[in-house]
């Protein structure tokens, strides 16, 4: 009789569990575009390794894209829900009628590098020198350098310096190979240049501080449509919560970095540590009105030097560029 009662109780509990499972909603599919080989994939890997996606009821479908522009096109075409981009692009899109909005992802930015014993030991030494620069004429770091060079020397960087724009690996090759006197590259390529013997002359955050922007703005962030967010409020909030939770783990969890290391494709221990530490230095731990104010100040600076190609002739950051639906 006891055995029968126990069996009946177990059966009843199983039926209850099955009933609850049957009515539990399936995980929400969120389509995320990430650049192939980009550092944002490290966070995505951390989210999966920590099972944060399962815990929040979100299933991430990652679409690899060639570069940031390909991700922007995919978002505009509705093929993905979220991309990694910068707040200047989100603002430009809003000024042109789109509803894209931004939540901070990273503070990591690059800086000016030079080889020891070369002709460039300070920004003032760039006059008459050759600078290899990643991105293009309206890249944010290049515009900040223009403003900083003008403030330090009174000169015009575009006239005083020979600038060779190129892909980040090529920029490093030109610096370490002697074809350029200095370089301006993204932070993770600067870490590789440092491992090859280069030294940093000045970072973008240091330049911004001296230009009157006391807090480093979050240049990169998650960008998505406000309409999509309104239709999927739990999905976007849960995704952002998972993103910040992964960042918190990446700040302190050495074992998690060892799991990520194969994704980084780094064999050299010193380079691995340099990349890890530089990534940690750029991790966003909060999202407040202070971040938005720093972005406004930076945008005004960029608009002065970038012109219509960057801002669409709008000197001020578009309202709603930073999403009001989330704070941390």
Foldseek 3Di string as FASTA:
>chain_A
DVVVVVVVVVVVVVVVVVVVVVPDDAAAEAEEEDEQLDPVVLLVVLLVVVVLSVVLRHDYDYDYDNDQVRVVVCQVVVVGFKYKAFLLVLLQVVVVPAQKAWDFFWLFWWAKKFAPPFQDQALQSQFVFEEEEEDDQLPLLNLLSQVLSCVVPVDGCVPRHHYHYDHLVVRLCCRLVVVGRMYGHTHLSVLVSVVVHMDGNDTSQRSLCVVPLVDRARGMGMMGGPVVCVVVVSNVVSVVVSSLVSLVCLLPPPVSLVVSVVSNVDDDPSSSVSNSVSRNVIGDNWFDVSNVVSVQVSLLSSCVRNPCVRNVNDNGRHPNNHPPPDTD
